[in-house]
Amino acid sequence: MYIKKILLGIVLVGLIVAAYFANFVYSAMFKPNTKFNNTEAYIYISKTDDYEDVRLQLEPLLKDIESFDALANRKKYVSNVKSGRYLIKKGMTNNDIINSIRINNLPIKLSFNNQESLSKLAERISQQIDADSLSLIKAMTNSDFLKEHKFTKQTALGMYIPNSYQMYWDSSADVFVNKMYDEYNSFWSKGRLAKAKELNLTTNEVMALASIVHEESKQASEQPRIAGVYVNRLKIGMPLQADPTLKFAAYQLPKYQNTVIKRVLNEHKTIDSPYNTYMYKGLPPGPIAMPDITAIDAVLNYEHHKYYYFAADAKNIGFHKFAKTLSQHNANAREYHRYLSSQGINR
């Protein structure tokens, strides 16, 4: 009788232990463990992060971090953290979360518009992926990469086509730069290359001209006509005389740092720079800013006309008046300069 009681006690203890273990397994693996109110949340894991870094991100999102720790140890996730951007849905269990952050690295939509320099572009990209701006600018200006792909430091900005792209958040700077080169090659289709050849321009030269067109006008409807003016000048060997290139040349000098040039003056025309298209014929060494796709296509599909001049339209700000003769252009320019003076814009 005594032995039976002992055996019964052992069985009861076993059942209690089994029940406790079953409850633990259920709680750790199959019980919803999220506490955020939104339908989903994301965590971002860097290549240098370890489990403690992941845990810091998860703790505010979970009801019971200890049960997550237990399962993460059991499933060996603690020693096998994967970098990336991961989705956690409301109502997920610990098991669901571990499976998600182990294998389901989700891409992001990376976007950039008309950045004026590589450093500005690097800053913009570093806000969207894990790579920092220093590593990005280093990759963008890598001399071996530029030489291999027929770019220079002056033309490198033209490799980046403003658009939206899909890539992984944990991409390195080198991965980003190589992807942008692939996208650049995709952009330069056979059709676009053929049009550049008809213009007798390289792709780098098209980008340089497109950057001028884009800085002259943000109006897509007007850009092909402006491009046509510059193509006409190039054909007869006339200097481009593009005011945006003077501003670019000026901004490279200490005198004009931290200033905004609202009005191009004769003093700017004396700046000895290969970007001074009043002083030197032909295209500048590279883009003066990042042109958008409409400006690039405006060059490739420039409007055929007989205009050689244009000036900002004082009565229709943002647009221009076009002229075939210098005298007509001078009259248009005087009208605009009077407008600038009336607005107190003298520099």
C-alpha atoms as a PDB file:
ATOM      1  CA  MET A   1       0.000   0.000   0.000  1.00  0.00           C
ATOM      2  CA  TYR A   2       2.835   2.353   0.909  1.00  0.00           C
ATOM      3  CA  ILE A   3       4.651   1.582  -2.361  1.00  0.00           C
ATOM      4  CA  LYS A   4       1.468   2.305  -4.326  1.00  0.00           C
ATOM      5  CA  LYS A   5       1.239   5.741  -2.685  1.00  0.00           C
ATOM      6  CA  ILE A   6       4.847   6.474  -3.618  1.00  0.00           C
ATOM      7  CA  LEU A   7       4.262   5.411  -7.220  1.00  0.00           C
ATOM      8  CA  LEU A   8       1.087   7.472  -7.341  1.00  0.00           C
ATOM      9  CA  GLY A   9       2.989  10.464  -6.006  1.00  0.00           C
ATOM     10  CA  ILE A  10       5.682  10.032  -8.638  1.00  0.00           C
ATOM     11  CA  VAL A  11       3.042   9.848 -11.357  1.00  0.00           C
ATOM     12  CA  LEU A  12       1.361  13.004 -10.063  1.00  0.00           C
ATOM     13  CA  VAL A  13       4.659  14.868  -9.918  1.00  0.00           C
ATOM     14  CA  GLY A  14       5.406  13.667 -13.443  1.00  0.00           C
ATOM     15  CA  LEU A  15       2.044  14.868 -14.640  1.00  0.00           C
ATOM     16  CA  ILE A  16       2.578  18.259 -12.982  1.00  0.00           C
ATOM     17  CA  VAL A  17       6.039  18.561 -14.566  1.00  0.00           C
ATOM     18  CA  ALA A  18       4.659  17.481 -17.932  1.00  0.00           C
ATOM     19  CA  ALA A  19       1.816  19.967 -17.641  1.00  0.00           C
ATOM     20  CA  TYR A  20       4.232  22.733 -16.684  1.00  0.00           C
ATOM     21  CA  PHE A  21       6.530  21.816 -19.571  1.00  0.00           C
ATOM     22  CA  ALA A  22       3.602  21.674 -21.980  1.00  0.00           C
ATOM     23  CA  ASN A  23       2.430  25.075 -20.807  1.00  0.00           C
ATOM     24  CA  PHE A  24       5.957  26.443 -21.189  1.00  0.00           C
ATOM     25  CA  VAL A  25       6.250  25.057 -24.714  1.00  0.00           C
ATOM     26  CA  TYR A  26       2.842  26.472 -25.635  1.00  0.00           C
ATOM     27  CA  SER A  27       3.655  29.874 -24.156  1.00  0.00           C
ATOM     28  CA  ALA A  28       7.106  29.992 -25.724  1.00  0.00           C
ATOM     29  CA  MET A  29       6.136  28.734 -29.170  1.00  0.00           C
ATOM     30  CA  PHE A  30       2.440  29.093 -29.894  1.00  0.00           C
ATOM     31  CA  LYS A  31       1.031  31.859 -27.722  1.00  0.00           C
ATOM     32  CA  PRO A  32       0.771  35.345 -29.321  1.00  0.00           C
ATOM     33  CA  ASN A  33       3.493  37.511 -27.808  1.00  0.00           C
ATOM     34  CA  THR A  34       3.215  40.983 -29.378  1.00  0.00           C
ATOM     35  CA  LYS A  35       2.052  44.073 -27.526  1.00  0.00           C
ATOM     36  CA  PHE A  36       2.179  46.859 -30.125  1.00  0.00           C
ATOM     37  CA  ASN A  37      -1.086  48.356 -31.382  1.00  0.00           C
ATOM     38  CA  ASN A  38      -0.255  48.689 -35.068  1.00  0.00           C
ATOM     39  CA  THR A  39      -0.810  45.786 -37.431  1.00  0.00           C
ATOM     40  CA  GLU A  40       2.922  45.434 -38.044  1.00  0.00           C
ATOM     41  CA  ALA A  41       6.337  46.573 -36.904  1.00  0.00           C
ATOM     42  CA  TYR A  42       9.829  46.354 -38.378  1.00  0.00           C
ATOM     43  CA  ILE A  43      13.215  45.752 -36.854  1.00  0.00           C
ATOM     44  CA  TYR A  44      16.522  46.589 -38.544  1.00  0.00           C
ATOM     45  CA  ILE A  45      19.521  44.398 -37.816  1.00  0.00           C
ATOM     46  CA  SER A  46      22.999  45.553 -38.845  1.00  0.00           C
ATOM     47  CA  LYS A  47      25.776  43.192 -39.865  1.00  0.00           C
ATOM     48  CA  THR A  48      27.604  44.104 -36.639  1.00  0.00           C
ATOM     49  CA  ASP A  49      24.606  43.463 -34.368  1.00  0.00           C
ATOM     50  CA  ASP A  50      24.486  40.511 -31.982  1.00  0.00           C
ATOM     51  CA  TYR A  51      21.569  38.961 -30.139  1.00  0.00           C
ATOM     52  CA  GLU A  52      21.606  41.609 -27.415  1.00  0.00           C
ATOM     53  CA  ASP A  53      21.135  44.314 -30.055  1.00  0.00           C
ATOM     54  CA  VAL A  54      18.206  42.394 -31.536  1.00  0.00           C
ATOM     55  CA  ARG A  55      16.747  41.871 -28.068  1.00  0.00           C
ATOM     56  CA  LEU A  56      16.845  45.638 -27.373  1.00  0.00           C
ATOM     57  CA  GLN A  57      14.689  46.240 -30.435  1.00  0.00           C
ATOM     58  CA  LEU A  58      12.296  43.410 -29.626  1.00  0.00           C
ATOM     59  CA  GLU A  59      11.757  44.099 -25.940  1.00  0.00           C
ATOM     60  CA  PRO A  60       9.384  47.070 -26.419  1.00  0.00           C
ATOM     61  CA  LEU A  61       7.383  45.044 -28.956  1.00  0.00           C
ATOM     62  CA  LEU A  62       6.876  41.832 -26.936  1.00  0.00           C
ATOM     63  CA  LYS A  63       4.773  40.974 -23.890  1.00  0.00           C
ATOM     64  CA  ASP A  64       7.232  38.402 -22.561  1.00  0.00           C
ATOM     65  CA  ILE A  65      10.863  38.798 -23.639  1.00  0.00           C
ATOM     66  CA  GLU A  66      12.031  35.973 -21.334  1.00  0.00           C
ATOM     67  CA  SER A  67       9.960  33.353 -23.159  1.00  0.00           C
ATOM     68  CA  PHE A  68      11.371  34.670 -26.416  1.00  0.00           C
ATOM     69  CA  ASP A  69      14.904  34.345 -25.009  1.00  0.00           C
ATOM     70  CA  ALA A  70      14.233  30.752 -24.042  1.00  0.00           C
ATOM     71  CA  LEU A  71      13.006  29.767 -27.491  1.00  0.00           C
ATOM     72  CA  ALA A  72      15.732  31.762 -29.246  1.00  0.00           C
ATOM     73  CA  ASN A  73      18.313  29.796 -27.265  1.00  0.00           C
ATOM     74  CA  ARG A  74      16.594  26.497 -27.979  1.00  0.00           C
ATOM     75  CA  LYS A  75      16.408  27.231 -31.716  1.00  0.00           C
ATOM     76  CA  LYS A  76      20.045  28.484 -31.713  1.00  0.00           C
ATOM     77  CA  TYR A  77      19.049  31.890 -33.076  1.00  0.00           C
ATOM     78  CA  VAL A  78      21.080  33.579 -30.323  1.00  0.00           C
ATOM     79  CA  SER A  79      24.307  32.534 -32.040  1.00  0.00           C
ATOM     80  CA  ASN A  80      23.031  32.886 -35.601  1.00  0.00           C
ATOM     81  CA  VAL A  81      21.716  36.455 -35.974  1.00  0.00           C
ATOM     82  CA  LYS A  82      21.040  37.574 -39.557  1.00  0.00           C
ATOM     83  CA  SER A  83      21.245  41.187 -40.728  1.00  0.00           C
ATOM     84  CA  GLY A  84      18.372  42.806 -42.581  1.00  0.00           C
ATOM     85  CA  ARG A  85      14.956  44.426 -42.329  1.00  0.00           C
ATOM     86  CA  TYR A  86      12.319  42.165 -40.822  1.00  0.00           C
ATOM     87  CA  LEU A  87       8.562  42.300 -40.391  1.00  0.00           C
ATOM     88  CA  ILE A  88       6.765  41.403 -37.171  1.00  0.00           C
ATOM     89  CA  LYS A  89       2.987  41.198 -37.427  1.00  0.00           C
ATOM     90  CA  LYS A  90       0.582  41.811 -34.576  1.00  0.00           C
ATOM     91  CA  GLY A  91      -0.349  38.499 -32.917  1.00  0.00           C
ATOM     92  CA  MET A  92       2.794  36.631 -33.961  1.00  0.00           C
ATOM     93  CA  THR A  93       4.140  33.931 -31.656  1.00  0.00           C
ATOM     94  CA  ASN A  94       7.758  33.670 -30.597  1.00  0.00           C
ATOM     95  CA  ASN A  95       8.181  30.853 -33.087  1.00  0.00           C
ATOM     96  CA  ASP A  96       6.731  33.001 -35.894  1.00  0.00           C
ATOM     97  CA  ILE A  97       8.995  35.907 -34.979  1.00  0.00           C
ATOM     98  CA  ILE A  98      12.160  33.795 -34.914  1.00  0.00           C
ATOM     99  CA  ASN A  99      11.281  32.235 -38.258  1.00  0.00           C
ATOM    100  CA  SER A 100      10.648  35.702 -39.714  1.00  0.00           C
ATOM    101  CA  ILE A 101      13.857  37.353 -38.500  1.00  0.00           C
ATOM    102  CA  ARG A 102      15.916  34.336 -39.462  1.00  0.00           C
ATOM    103  CA  ILE A 103      15.008  34.043 -43.161  1.00  0.00           C
ATOM    104  CA  ASN A 104      12.621  36.787 -44.278  1.00  0.00           C
ATOM    105  CA  ASN A 105      14.893  39.751 -45.042  1.00  0.00           C
ATOM    106  CA  LEU A 106      12.616  42.253 -46.798  1.00  0.00           C
ATOM    107  CA  PRO A 107      13.810  44.767 -49.423  1.00  0.00           C
ATOM    108  CA  ILE A 108      13.165  48.497 -49.166  1.00  0.00           C
ATOM    109  CA  LYS A 109      12.261  51.068 -51.808  1.00  0.00           C
ATOM    110  CA  LEU A 110      15.261  53.361 -52.012  1.00  0.00           C
ATOM    111  CA  SER A 111      14.683  56.757 -53.649  1.00  0.00           C
ATOM    112  CA  PHE A 112      16.727  59.827 -54.463  1.00  0.00           C
ATOM    113  CA  ASN A 113      16.104  62.912 -56.542  1.00  0.00           C
ATOM    114  CA  ASN A 114      18.415  65.556 -57.982  1.00  0.00           C
ATOM    115  CA  GLN A 115      21.303  65.653 -55.542  1.00  0.00           C
ATOM    116  CA  GLU A 116      23.829  68.355 -56.331  1.00  0.00           C
ATOM    117  CA  SER A 117      26.944  66.357 -55.426  1.00  0.00           C
ATOM    118  CA  LEU A 118      28.184  62.899 -54.493  1.00  0.00           C
ATOM    119  CA  SER A 119      28.456  63.932 -50.854  1.00  0.00           C
ATOM    120  CA  LYS A 120      24.808  65.023 -50.813  1.00  0.00           C
ATOM    121  CA  LEU A 121      23.835  61.768 -52.496  1.00  0.00           C
ATOM    122  CA  ALA A 122      25.803  59.743 -49.941  1.00  0.00           C
ATOM    123  CA  GLU A 123      24.039  61.588 -47.126  1.00  0.00           C
ATOM    124  CA  ARG A 124      20.637  60.886 -48.706  1.00  0.00           C
ATOM    125  CA  ILE A 125      21.354  57.178 -49.213  1.00  0.00           C
ATOM    126  CA  SER A 126      22.758  56.726 -45.695  1.00  0.00           C
ATOM    127  CA  GLN A 127      19.344  57.765 -44.369  1.00  0.00           C
ATOM    128  CA  GLN A 128      17.768  54.803 -46.153  1.00  0.00           C
ATOM    129  CA  ILE A 129      20.211  51.886 -45.847  1.00  0.00           C
ATOM    130  CA  ASP A 130      22.618  50.694 -43.177  1.00  0.00           C
ATOM    131  CA  ALA A 131      25.775  51.922 -44.938  1.00  0.00           C
ATOM    132  CA  ASP A 132      27.048  55.235 -43.555  1.00  0.00           C
ATOM    133  CA  SER A 133      27.817  58.294 -45.672  1.00  0.00           C
ATOM    134  CA  LEU A 134      31.608  57.942 -45.276  1.00  0.00           C
ATOM    135  CA  SER A 135      31.650  54.398 -46.635  1.00  0.00           C
ATOM    136  CA  LEU A 136      29.298  55.439 -49.436  1.00  0.00           C
ATOM    137  CA  ILE A 137      31.393  58.396 -50.575  1.00  0.00           C
ATOM    138  CA  LYS A 138      34.501  56.209 -50.432  1.00  0.00           C
ATOM    139  CA  ALA A 139      32.839  53.617 -52.691  1.00  0.00           C
ATOM    140  CA  MET A 140      31.482  56.301 -55.035  1.00  0.00           C
ATOM    141  CA  THR A 141      34.917  57.862 -55.541  1.00  0.00           C
ATOM    142  CA  ASN A 142      36.939  54.646 -55.619  1.00  0.00           C
ATOM    143  CA  SER A 143      39.513  55.274 -58.357  1.00  0.00           C
ATOM    144  CA  ASP A 144      39.675  51.632 -59.465  1.00  0.00           C
ATOM    145  CA  PHE A 145      35.899  51.450 -59.838  1.00  0.00           C
ATOM    146  CA  LEU A 146      35.751  54.738 -61.753  1.00  0.00           C
ATOM    147  CA  LYS A 147      38.573  53.750 -64.080  1.00  0.00           C
ATOM    148  CA  GLU A 148      37.107  50.290 -64.753  1.00  0.00           C
ATOM    149  CA  HIS A 149      33.724  51.761 -65.690  1.00  0.00           C
ATOM    150  CA  LYS A 150      35.080  54.763 -67.637  1.00  0.00           C
ATOM    151  CA  PHE A 151      34.154  57.501 -65.209  1.00  0.00           C
ATOM    152  CA  THR A 152      36.194  60.265 -63.625  1.00  0.00           C
ATOM    153  CA  LYS A 153      35.607  62.133 -60.374  1.00  0.00           C
ATOM    154  CA  GLN A 154      34.053  64.880 -62.506  1.00  0.00           C
ATOM    155  CA  THR A 155      31.639  62.545 -64.327  1.00  0.00           C
ATOM    156  CA  ALA A 156      30.896  60.105 -61.480  1.00  0.00           C
ATOM    157  CA  LEU A 157      27.690  61.884 -60.420  1.00  0.00           C
ATOM    158  CA  GLY A 158      26.206  61.106 -63.829  1.00  0.00           C
ATOM    159  CA  MET A 159      26.155  57.396 -63.025  1.00  0.00           C
ATOM    160  CA  TYR A 160      23.265  57.878 -60.597  1.00  0.00           C
ATOM    161  CA  ILE A 161      19.865  58.164 -62.256  1.00  0.00           C
ATOM    162  CA  PRO A 162      17.261  59.768 -59.939  1.00  0.00           C
ATOM    163  CA  ASN A 163      14.527  57.197 -59.395  1.00  0.00           C
ATOM    164  CA  SER A 164      13.210  54.598 -56.943  1.00  0.00           C
ATOM    165  CA  TYR A 165      14.989  51.264 -56.637  1.00  0.00           C
ATOM    166  CA  GLN A 166      14.449  48.076 -54.674  1.00  0.00           C
ATOM    167  CA  MET A 167      17.331  46.791 -52.583  1.00  0.00           C
ATOM    168  CA  TYR A 168      18.078  45.382 -49.155  1.00  0.00           C
ATOM    169  CA  TRP A 169      18.462  47.668 -46.157  1.00  0.00           C
ATOM    170  CA  ASP A 170      21.652  45.908 -45.026  1.00  0.00           C
ATOM    171  CA  SER A 171      23.360  46.454 -48.395  1.00  0.00           C
ATOM    172  CA  SER A 172      26.954  47.642 -48.141  1.00  0.00           C
ATOM    173  CA  ALA A 173      28.248  50.769 -49.858  1.00  0.00           C
ATOM    174  CA  ASP A 174      29.916  48.646 -52.554  1.00  0.00           C
ATOM    175  CA  VAL A 175      26.681  46.735 -53.172  1.00  0.00           C
ATOM    176  CA  PHE A 176      24.808  50.026 -53.575  1.00  0.00           C
ATOM    177  CA  VAL A 177      27.346  51.472 -56.024  1.00  0.00           C
ATOM    178  CA  ASN A 178      27.429  48.303 -58.115  1.00  0.00           C
ATOM    179  CA  LYS A 179      23.644  48.176 -58.242  1.00  0.00           C
ATOM    180  CA  MET A 180      23.520  51.785 -59.408  1.00  0.00           C
ATOM    181  CA  TYR A 181      25.993  50.945 -62.174  1.00  0.00           C
ATOM    182  CA  ASP A 182      23.735  48.081 -63.284  1.00  0.00           C
ATOM    183  CA  GLU A 183      20.746  50.437 -63.217  1.00  0.00           C
ATOM    184  CA  TYR A 184      22.737  53.004 -65.208  1.00  0.00           C
ATOM    185  CA  ASN A 185      23.438  50.412 -67.898  1.00  0.00           C
ATOM    186  CA  SER A 186      19.774  49.414 -67.965  1.00  0.00           C
ATOM    187  CA  PHE A 187      18.773  53.069 -68.337  1.00  0.00           C
ATOM    188  CA  TRP A 188      21.103  53.486 -71.291  1.00  0.00           C
ATOM    189  CA  SER A 189      19.091  51.273 -73.619  1.00  0.00           C
ATOM    190  CA  LYS A 190      19.985  50.730 -77.262  1.00  0.00           C
ATOM    191  CA  GLY A 191      17.519  53.444 -78.197  1.00  0.00           C
ATOM    192  CA  ARG A 192      19.047  56.050 -75.897  1.00  0.00           C
ATOM    193  CA  LEU A 193      22.581  55.091 -76.942  1.00  0.00           C
ATOM    194  CA  ALA A 194      21.623  55.472 -80.599  1.00  0.00           C
ATOM    195  CA  LYS A 195      20.247  58.969 -79.960  1.00  0.00           C
ATOM    196  CA  ALA A 196      23.429  59.962 -78.105  1.00  0.00           C
ATOM    197  CA  LYS A 197      25.460  58.733 -81.072  1.00  0.00           C
ATOM    198  CA  GLU A 198      23.331  60.836 -83.428  1.00  0.00           C
ATOM    199  CA  LEU A 199      24.241  63.849 -81.314  1.00  0.00           C
ATOM    200  CA  ASN A 200      27.897  62.810 -81.463  1.00  0.00           C
ATOM    201  CA  LEU A 201      27.959  62.812 -77.665  1.00  0.00           C
ATOM    202  CA  THR A 202      29.097  60.195 -75.161  1.00  0.00           C
ATOM    203  CA  THR A 203      26.787  59.202 -72.341  1.00  0.00           C
ATOM    204  CA  ASN A 204      28.907  61.274 -69.951  1.00  0.00           C
ATOM    205  CA  GLU A 205      28.563  64.294 -72.242  1.00  0.00           C
ATOM    206  CA  VAL A 206      24.807  63.815 -72.453  1.00  0.00           C
ATOM    207  CA  MET A 207      24.644  63.809 -68.653  1.00  0.00           C
ATOM    208  CA  ALA A 208      26.722  66.992 -68.479  1.00  0.00           C
ATOM    209  CA  LEU A 209      24.431  68.780 -70.945  1.00  0.00           C
ATOM    210  CA  ALA A 210      21.303  67.399 -69.267  1.00  0.00           C
ATOM    211  CA  SER A 211      22.491  68.789 -65.932  1.00  0.00           C
ATOM    212  CA  ILE A 212      22.678  72.263 -67.469  1.00  0.00           C
ATOM    213  CA  VAL A 213      19.228  71.903 -69.016  1.00  0.00           C
ATOM    214  CA  HIS A 214      17.816  70.743 -65.683  1.00  0.00           C
ATOM    215  CA  GLU A 215      19.382  73.670 -63.819  1.00  0.00           C
ATOM    216  CA  GLU A 216      18.033  76.094 -66.420  1.00  0.00           C
ATOM    217  CA  SER A 217      14.451  74.862 -66.170  1.00  0.00           C
ATOM    218  CA  LYS A 218      12.468  72.402 -64.083  1.00  0.00           C
ATOM    219  CA  GLN A 219       9.621  72.622 -66.614  1.00  0.00           C
ATOM    220  CA  ALA A 220       9.597  69.298 -68.488  1.00  0.00           C
ATOM    221  CA  SER A 221       7.613  70.860 -71.325  1.00  0.00           C
ATOM    222  CA  GLU A 222      10.333  73.463 -71.923  1.00  0.00           C
ATOM    223  CA  GLN A 223      13.448  71.338 -71.447  1.00  0.00           C
ATOM    224  CA  PRO A 224      13.601  69.943 -75.041  1.00  0.00           C
ATOM    225  CA  ARG A 225      13.552  73.513 -76.428  1.00  0.00           C
ATOM    226  CA  ILE A 226      16.355  74.616 -74.087  1.00  0.00           C
ATOM    227  CA  ALA A 227      18.314  71.488 -75.019  1.00  0.00           C
ATOM    228  CA  GLY A 228      17.822  72.463 -78.672  1.00  0.00           C
ATOM    229  CA  VAL A 229      19.389  75.868 -78.031  1.00  0.00           C
ATOM    230  CA  TYR A 230      22.508  74.281 -76.583  1.00  0.00           C
ATOM    231  CA  VAL A 231      22.717  71.663 -79.340  1.00  0.00           C
ATOM    232  CA  ASN A 232      22.508  74.492 -81.911  1.00  0.00           C
ATOM    233  CA  ARG A 233      25.369  76.305 -80.163  1.00  0.00           C
ATOM    234  CA  LEU A 234      27.501  73.162 -80.018  1.00  0.00           C
ATOM    235  CA  LYS A 235      26.967  72.542 -83.735  1.00  0.00           C
ATOM    236  CA  ILE A 236      28.377  75.950 -84.735  1.00  0.00           C
ATOM    237  CA  GLY A 237      31.128  76.030 -82.118  1.00  0.00           C
ATOM    238  CA  MET A 238      29.478  78.788 -80.113  1.00  0.00           C
ATOM    239  CA  PRO A 239      30.193  78.873 -76.360  1.00  0.00           C
ATOM    240  CA  LEU A 240      27.315  77.479 -74.347  1.00  0.00           C
ATOM    241  CA  GLN A 241      27.293  80.587 -72.112  1.00  0.00           C
ATOM    242  CA  ALA A 242      25.190  78.756 -69.529  1.00  0.00           C
ATOM    243  CA  ASP A 243      24.645  80.724 -66.333  1.00  0.00           C
ATOM    244  CA  PRO A 244      24.267  77.599 -64.135  1.00  0.00           C
ATOM    245  CA  THR A 245      27.835  76.591 -65.005  1.00  0.00           C
ATOM    246  CA  LEU A 246      29.070  79.977 -63.766  1.00  0.00           C
ATOM    247  CA  LYS A 247      27.286  79.450 -60.471  1.00  0.00           C
ATOM    248  CA  PHE A 248      28.837  75.991 -60.191  1.00  0.00           C
ATOM    249  CA  ALA A 249      32.315  77.386 -60.871  1.00  0.00           C
ATOM    250  CA  ALA A 250      31.770  80.154 -58.329  1.00  0.00           C
ATOM    251  CA  TYR A 251      30.623  77.790 -55.601  1.00  0.00           C
ATOM    252  CA  GLN A 252      33.966  75.966 -55.832  1.00  0.00           C
ATOM    253  CA  LEU A 253      35.735  79.108 -54.614  1.00  0.00           C
ATOM    254  CA  PRO A 254      36.063  80.137 -50.931  1.00  0.00           C
ATOM    255  CA  LYS A 255      34.668  83.577 -51.767  1.00  0.00           C
ATOM    256  CA  TYR A 256      31.270  82.145 -52.647  1.00  0.00           C
ATOM    257  CA  GLN A 257      31.016  79.449 -49.988  1.00  0.00           C
ATOM    258  CA  ASN A 258      27.802  79.609 -47.967  1.00  0.00           C
ATOM    259  CA  THR A 259      26.284  82.116 -50.390  1.00  0.00           C
ATOM    260  CA  VAL A 260      23.379  81.898 -52.815  1.00  0.00           C
ATOM    261  CA  ILE A 261      23.925  83.507 -56.203  1.00  0.00           C
ATOM    262  CA  LYS A 262      20.552  84.779 -57.404  1.00  0.00           C
ATOM    263  CA  ARG A 263      21.883  86.922 -60.214  1.00  0.00           C
ATOM    264  CA  VAL A 264      24.814  86.129 -62.496  1.00  0.00           C
ATOM    265  CA  LEU A 265      27.138  89.140 -62.806  1.00  0.00           C
ATOM    266  CA  ASN A 266      30.092  90.019 -65.034  1.00  0.00           C
ATOM    267  CA  GLU A 267      32.460  89.177 -62.163  1.00  0.00           C
ATOM    268  CA  HIS A 268      31.318  85.570 -62.371  1.00  0.00           C
ATOM    269  CA  LYS A 269      32.215  85.447 -66.070  1.00  0.00           C
ATOM    270  CA  THR A 270      35.874  86.103 -65.231  1.00  0.00           C
ATOM    271  CA  ILE A 271      36.252  82.966 -63.077  1.00  0.00           C
ATOM    272  CA  ASP A 272      38.923  80.803 -64.714  1.00  0.00           C
ATOM    273  CA  SER A 273      37.364  77.364 -64.509  1.00  0.00           C
ATOM    274  CA  PRO A 274      36.708  74.597 -67.055  1.00  0.00           C
ATOM    275  CA  TYR A 275      33.092  74.924 -65.915  1.00  0.00           C
ATOM    276  CA  ASN A 276      32.967  78.555 -67.103  1.00  0.00           C
ATOM    277  CA  THR A 277      31.146  78.047 -70.409  1.00  0.00           C
ATOM    278  CA  TYR A 278      31.453  81.746 -71.212  1.00  0.00           C
ATOM    279  CA  MET A 279      35.247  81.447 -71.149  1.00  0.00           C
ATOM    280  CA  TYR A 280      35.628  77.937 -72.620  1.00  0.00           C
ATOM    281  CA  LYS A 281      33.794  76.392 -75.558  1.00  0.00           C
ATOM    282  CA  GLY A 282      32.159  72.990 -75.433  1.00  0.00           C
ATOM    283  CA  LEU A 283      30.756  71.041 -72.521  1.00  0.00           C
ATOM    284  CA  PRO A 284      32.071  71.226 -68.955  1.00  0.00           C
ATOM    285  CA  PRO A 285      34.100  68.253 -67.623  1.00  0.00           C
ATOM    286  CA  GLY A 286      31.042  66.689 -65.976  1.00  0.00           C
ATOM    287  CA  PRO A 287      27.541  67.337 -64.695  1.00  0.00           C
ATOM    288  CA  ILE A 288      27.063  70.404 -62.507  1.00  0.00           C
ATOM    289  CA  ALA A 289      24.235  68.608 -60.673  1.00  0.00           C
ATOM    290  CA  MET A 290      22.267  65.406 -61.007  1.00  0.00           C
ATOM    291  CA  PRO A 291      19.829  65.743 -63.932  1.00  0.00           C
ATOM    292  CA  ASP A 292      16.456  64.068 -63.765  1.00  0.00           C
ATOM    293  CA  ILE A 293      15.229  61.653 -66.420  1.00  0.00           C
ATOM    294  CA  THR A 294      13.110  64.292 -68.177  1.00  0.00           C
ATOM    295  CA  ALA A 295      16.192  66.476 -68.702  1.00  0.00           C
ATOM    296  CA  ILE A 296      18.253  63.545 -70.008  1.00  0.00           C
ATOM    297  CA  ASP A 297      15.529  62.579 -72.442  1.00  0.00           C
ATOM    298  CA  ALA A 298      15.083  66.244 -73.362  1.00  0.00           C
ATOM    299  CA  VAL A 299      18.680  66.272 -74.613  1.00  0.00           C
ATOM    300  CA  LEU A 300      18.275  62.992 -76.460  1.00  0.00           C
ATOM    301  CA  ASN A 301      15.001  64.202 -77.979  1.00  0.00           C
ATOM    302  CA  TYR A 302      15.872  67.877 -78.285  1.00  0.00           C
ATOM    303  CA  GLU A 303      13.568  70.194 -80.160  1.00  0.00           C
ATOM    304  CA  HIS A 304      14.784  71.061 -83.658  1.00  0.00           C
ATOM    305  CA  HIS A 305      14.505  74.832 -84.150  1.00  0.00           C
ATOM    306  CA  LYS A 306      16.591  77.909 -85.005  1.00  0.00           C
ATOM    307  CA  TYR A 307      16.818  79.479 -81.566  1.00  0.00           C
ATOM    308  CA  TYR A 308      20.285  80.316 -80.241  1.00  0.00           C
ATOM    309  CA  TYR A 309      19.302  82.322 -77.178  1.00  0.00           C
ATOM    310  CA  PHE A 310      16.871  82.307 -74.286  1.00  0.00           C
ATOM    311  CA  ALA A 311      16.233  84.442 -71.229  1.00  0.00           C
ATOM    312  CA  ALA A 312      13.976  84.037 -68.220  1.00  0.00           C
ATOM    313  CA  ASP A 313      10.482  85.378 -68.788  1.00  0.00           C
ATOM    314  CA  ALA A 314       9.702  88.154 -66.300  1.00  0.00           C
ATOM    315  CA  LYS A 315       5.975  87.781 -66.954  1.00  0.00           C
ATOM    316  CA  ASN A 316       5.899  84.003 -66.642  1.00  0.00           C
ATOM    317  CA  ILE A 317       8.305  83.035 -63.881  1.00  0.00           C
ATOM    318  CA  GLY A 318       9.770  79.578 -64.334  1.00  0.00           C
ATOM    319  CA  PHE A 319       9.621  79.790 -68.112  1.00  0.00           C
ATOM    320  CA  HIS A 320      11.767  81.459 -70.770  1.00  0.00           C
ATOM    321  CA  LYS A 321      11.617  83.618 -73.868  1.00  0.00           C
ATOM    322  CA  PHE A 322      13.531  82.268 -76.873  1.00  0.00           C
ATOM    323  CA  ALA A 323      15.258  84.276 -79.579  1.00  0.00           C
ATOM    324  CA  LYS A 324      16.904  83.651 -82.923  1.00  0.00           C
ATOM    325  CA  THR A 325      18.973  86.840 -82.940  1.00  0.00           C
ATOM    326  CA  LEU A 326      21.237  88.477 -80.400  1.00  0.00           C
ATOM    327  CA  SER A 327      19.364  91.773 -80.576  1.00  0.00           C
ATOM    328  CA  GLN A 328      16.073  90.068 -79.800  1.00  0.00           C
ATOM    329  CA  HIS A 329      17.735  88.176 -76.948  1.00  0.00           C
ATOM    330  CA  ASN A 330      19.268  91.345 -75.486  1.00  0.00           C
ATOM    331  CA  ALA A 331      15.816  92.940 -75.373  1.00  0.00           C
ATOM    332  CA  ASN A 332      14.440  89.876 -73.540  1.00  0.00           C
ATOM    333  CA  ALA A 333      17.401  89.863 -71.137  1.00  0.00           C
ATOM    334  CA  ARG A 334      17.022  93.586 -70.348  1.00  0.00           C
ATOM    335  CA  GLU A 335      13.363  93.029 -69.497  1.00  0.00           C
ATOM    336  CA  TYR A 336      14.273  90.265 -67.069  1.00  0.00           C
ATOM    337  CA  HIS A 337      17.110  92.254 -65.487  1.00  0.00           C
ATOM    338  CA  ARG A 338      14.690  95.139 -64.890  1.00  0.00           C
ATOM    339  CA  TYR A 339      12.407  92.666 -63.141  1.00  0.00           C
ATOM    340  CA  LEU A 340      15.268  91.421 -60.917  1.00  0.00           C
ATOM    341  CA  SER A 341      16.206  94.988 -59.989  1.00  0.00           C
ATOM    342  CA  SER A 342      12.569  95.780 -59.145  1.00  0.00           C
ATOM    343  CA  GLN A 343      12.637  92.860 -56.741  1.00  0.00           C
ATOM    344  CA  GLY A 344      15.839  94.080 -55.070  1.00  0.00           C
ATOM    345  CA  ILE A 345      17.854  91.148 -56.416  1.00  0.00           C
ATOM    346  CA  ASN A 346      21.255  92.582 -57.191  1.00  0.00           C
ATOM    347  CA  ARG A 347      23.556  89.624 -56.554  1.00  0.00           C
END
